[in-house]
C-alpha atoms as a PDB file:
ATOM      1  CA  MET A   1      -3.780  -9.679 -67.856  1.00  0.00           C
ATOM      2  CA  THR A   2      -6.020  -9.576 -70.913  1.00  0.00           C
ATOM      3  CA  GLU A   3      -6.537 -12.391 -73.415  1.00  0.00           C
ATOM      4  CA  PHE A   4      -4.939 -10.179 -76.065  1.00  0.00           C
ATOM      5  CA  GLN A   5      -1.795  -9.739 -73.963  1.00  0.00           C
ATOM      6  CA  GLN A   6      -1.603 -13.486 -73.302  1.00  0.00           C
ATOM      7  CA  LEU A   7      -1.966 -14.179 -77.022  1.00  0.00           C
ATOM      8  CA  CYS A   8       0.780 -11.667 -77.862  1.00  0.00           C
ATOM      9  CA  TYR A   9       3.163 -13.204 -75.319  1.00  0.00           C
ATOM     10  CA  LYS A  10       2.529 -16.784 -76.401  1.00  0.00           C
ATOM     11  CA  THR A  11       2.835 -15.944 -80.096  1.00  0.00           C
ATOM     12  CA  LEU A  12       6.045 -13.983 -79.591  1.00  0.00           C
ATOM     13  CA  LYS A  13       7.615 -16.748 -77.509  1.00  0.00           C
ATOM     14  CA  ASP A  14       6.583 -19.490 -79.956  1.00  0.00           C
ATOM     15  CA  LYS A  15       7.261 -17.770 -83.286  1.00  0.00           C
ATOM     16  CA  VAL A  16      10.223 -15.390 -82.913  1.00  0.00           C
ATOM     17  CA  PRO A  17      13.532 -17.166 -82.244  1.00  0.00           C
ATOM     18  CA  ALA A  18      16.711 -15.660 -80.863  1.00  0.00           C
ATOM     19  CA  GLY A  19      18.619 -13.735 -83.505  1.00  0.00           C
ATOM     20  CA  ARG A  20      15.472 -12.540 -85.240  1.00  0.00           C
ATOM     21  CA  VAL A  21      13.092  -9.631 -84.691  1.00  0.00           C
ATOM     22  CA  ILE A  22       9.488  -8.847 -85.534  1.00  0.00           C
ATOM     23  CA  THR A  23       7.740  -5.510 -85.928  1.00  0.00           C
ATOM     24  CA  TYR A  24       4.820  -4.431 -83.784  1.00  0.00           C
ATOM     25  CA  GLY A  25       2.641  -4.536 -86.906  1.00  0.00           C
ATOM     26  CA  GLU A  26       3.712  -8.050 -87.921  1.00  0.00           C
ATOM     27  CA  LEU A  27       3.036  -9.338 -84.420  1.00  0.00           C
ATOM     28  CA  ALA A  28      -0.408  -7.702 -84.571  1.00  0.00           C
ATOM     29  CA  LYS A  29      -1.062  -9.566 -87.844  1.00  0.00           C
ATOM     30  CA  LEU A  30       0.095 -12.839 -86.306  1.00  0.00           C
ATOM     31  CA  VAL A  31      -2.470 -12.528 -83.518  1.00  0.00           C
ATOM     32  CA  ASN A  32      -5.202 -11.626 -86.039  1.00  0.00           C
ATOM     33  CA  HIS A  33      -5.451  -7.987 -84.990  1.00  0.00           C
ATOM     34  CA  THR A  34      -4.089  -6.220 -88.060  1.00  0.00           C
ATOM     35  CA  GLY A  35      -3.531  -2.572 -87.282  1.00  0.00           C
ATOM     36  CA  ALA A  36      -3.340  -3.106 -83.523  1.00  0.00           C
ATOM     37  CA  TYR A  37       0.374  -2.362 -83.402  1.00  0.00           C
ATOM     38  CA  ARG A  38      -0.120   0.182 -80.595  1.00  0.00           C
ATOM     39  CA  ALA A  39      -1.943  -2.429 -78.521  1.00  0.00           C
ATOM     40  CA  VAL A  40       0.962  -4.821 -79.166  1.00  0.00           C
ATOM     41  CA  GLY A  41       3.363  -2.128 -77.962  1.00  0.00           C
ATOM     42  CA  SER A  42       1.310  -1.654 -74.827  1.00  0.00           C
ATOM     43  CA  ALA A  43       1.298  -5.411 -74.192  1.00  0.00           C
ATOM     44  CA  MET A  44       5.065  -5.575 -74.633  1.00  0.00           C
ATOM     45  CA  ASN A  45       5.510  -2.690 -72.188  1.00  0.00           C
ATOM     46  CA  LYS A  46       3.536  -4.632 -69.569  1.00  0.00           C
ATOM     47  CA  ASN A  47       5.229  -7.994 -70.192  1.00  0.00           C
ATOM     48  CA  PRO A  48       5.665  -9.644 -66.766  1.00  0.00           C
ATOM     49  CA  PHE A  49       7.523 -12.622 -68.249  1.00  0.00           C
ATOM     50  CA  ALA A  50      10.606 -10.925 -69.722  1.00  0.00           C
ATOM     51  CA  PRO A  51      13.067 -12.173 -70.819  1.00  0.00           C
ATOM     52  CA  GLU A  52      11.366 -15.604 -71.166  1.00  0.00           C
ATOM     53  CA  VAL A  53       8.829 -13.840 -73.374  1.00  0.00           C
ATOM     54  CA  PRO A  54      11.322 -11.893 -75.479  1.00  0.00           C
ATOM     55  CA  CYS A  55       9.670  -8.510 -75.917  1.00  0.00           C
ATOM     56  CA  HIS A  56      13.110  -7.089 -76.739  1.00  0.00           C
ATOM     57  CA  ARG A  57      12.706  -8.761 -80.162  1.00  0.00           C
ATOM     58  CA  VAL A  58       9.774  -6.501 -81.112  1.00  0.00           C
ATOM     59  CA  VAL A  59      10.911  -3.433 -83.058  1.00  0.00           C
ATOM     60  CA  LYS A  60       9.594  -0.597 -85.198  1.00  0.00           C
ATOM     61  CA  SER A  61       8.766  -1.108 -88.863  1.00  0.00           C
ATOM     62  CA  ASP A  62      11.707   1.048 -89.968  1.00  0.00           C
ATOM     63  CA  GLY A  63      14.244  -1.107 -88.103  1.00  0.00           C
ATOM     64  CA  HIS A  64      14.673   1.191 -85.118  1.00  0.00           C
ATOM     65  CA  ILE A  65      14.523  -0.623 -81.805  1.00  0.00           C
ATOM     66  CA  GLY A  66      11.715   1.434 -80.297  1.00  0.00           C
ATOM     67  CA  LYS A  67      11.032   1.718 -76.609  1.00  0.00           C
ATOM     68  CA  PHE A  68      11.660  -0.842 -73.898  1.00  0.00           C
ATOM     69  CA  ALA A  69      10.247  -0.867 -70.374  1.00  0.00           C
ATOM     70  CA  PHE A  70      13.656  -1.791 -68.949  1.00  0.00           C
ATOM     71  CA  GLY A  71      15.562   0.845 -70.933  1.00  0.00           C
ATOM     72  CA  LYS A  72      16.833   0.819 -74.485  1.00  0.00           C
ATOM     73  CA  GLU A  73      20.385  -0.047 -73.393  1.00  0.00           C
ATOM     74  CA  LEU A  74      19.171  -3.392 -72.053  1.00  0.00           C
ATOM     75  CA  LYS A  75      17.105  -4.007 -75.201  1.00  0.00           C
ATOM     76  CA  ILE A  76      20.200  -3.405 -77.338  1.00  0.00           C
ATOM     77  CA  LYS A  77      22.309  -5.623 -75.092  1.00  0.00           C
ATOM     78  CA  ARG A  78      19.831  -8.510 -75.304  1.00  0.00           C
ATOM     79  CA  LEU A  79      19.542  -8.195 -79.071  1.00  0.00           C
ATOM     80  CA  GLN A  80      23.310  -8.086 -79.510  1.00  0.00           C
ATOM     81  CA  GLU A  81      23.753 -11.130 -77.260  1.00  0.00           C
ATOM     82  CA  GLU A  82      21.466 -12.942 -79.717  1.00  0.00           C
ATOM     83  CA  GLY A  83      23.514 -11.838 -82.720  1.00  0.00           C
ATOM     84  CA  VAL A  84      21.397  -8.878 -83.807  1.00  0.00           C
ATOM     85  CA  LYS A  85      23.640  -5.909 -84.504  1.00  0.00           C
ATOM     86  CA  VAL A  86      22.377  -2.474 -83.522  1.00  0.00           C
ATOM     87  CA  ILE A  87      23.973   0.861 -84.423  1.00  0.00           C
ATOM     88  CA  ASN A  88      22.415   4.209 -83.511  1.00  0.00           C
ATOM     89  CA  ASP A  89      19.318   2.422 -82.170  1.00  0.00           C
ATOM     90  CA  LYS A  90      18.695   0.712 -85.528  1.00  0.00           C
ATOM     91  CA  ILE A  91      18.925  -2.966 -86.490  1.00  0.00           C
ATOM     92  CA  ILE A  92      21.697  -3.630 -89.006  1.00  0.00           C
ATOM     93  CA  ASP A  93      20.576  -5.903 -91.855  1.00  0.00           C
ATOM     94  CA  PHE A  94      16.984  -5.385 -90.736  1.00  0.00           C
ATOM     95  CA  GLU A  95      15.493  -6.895 -93.891  1.00  0.00           C
ATOM     96  CA  ASN A  96      17.174 -10.223 -93.161  1.00  0.00           C
ATOM     97  CA  LYS A  97      16.590 -10.190 -89.397  1.00  0.00           C
ATOM     98  CA  ALA A  98      12.896  -9.260 -89.453  1.00  0.00           C
ATOM     99  CA  LEU A  99      10.319 -12.025 -89.679  1.00  0.00           C
ATOM    100  CA  LYS A 100       7.317 -11.550 -91.950  1.00  0.00           C
ATOM    101  CA  PHE A 101       4.250 -13.726 -91.872  1.00  0.00           C
END
């Protein structure tokens, strides 16, 4: 596991509570790698600590849920269990659910 991946996992776990989401780009900013949203996506895809490190809370900048290594149905289920509503693979009330730093 790389230092970047470890930093992504720790930051996600510490900063993004249940019921909220963060975009790949915002998480990249949080770990001081602005523009590295693809690298964040790759790290989330390789997350060995799910669901303790909640990679299901990382979504696309347009509010769509994006991909999930364990299947999008499970990502939707986990989000909905945390109170995040999803319809047609998109977060409802995205502006109020998404964290910005």
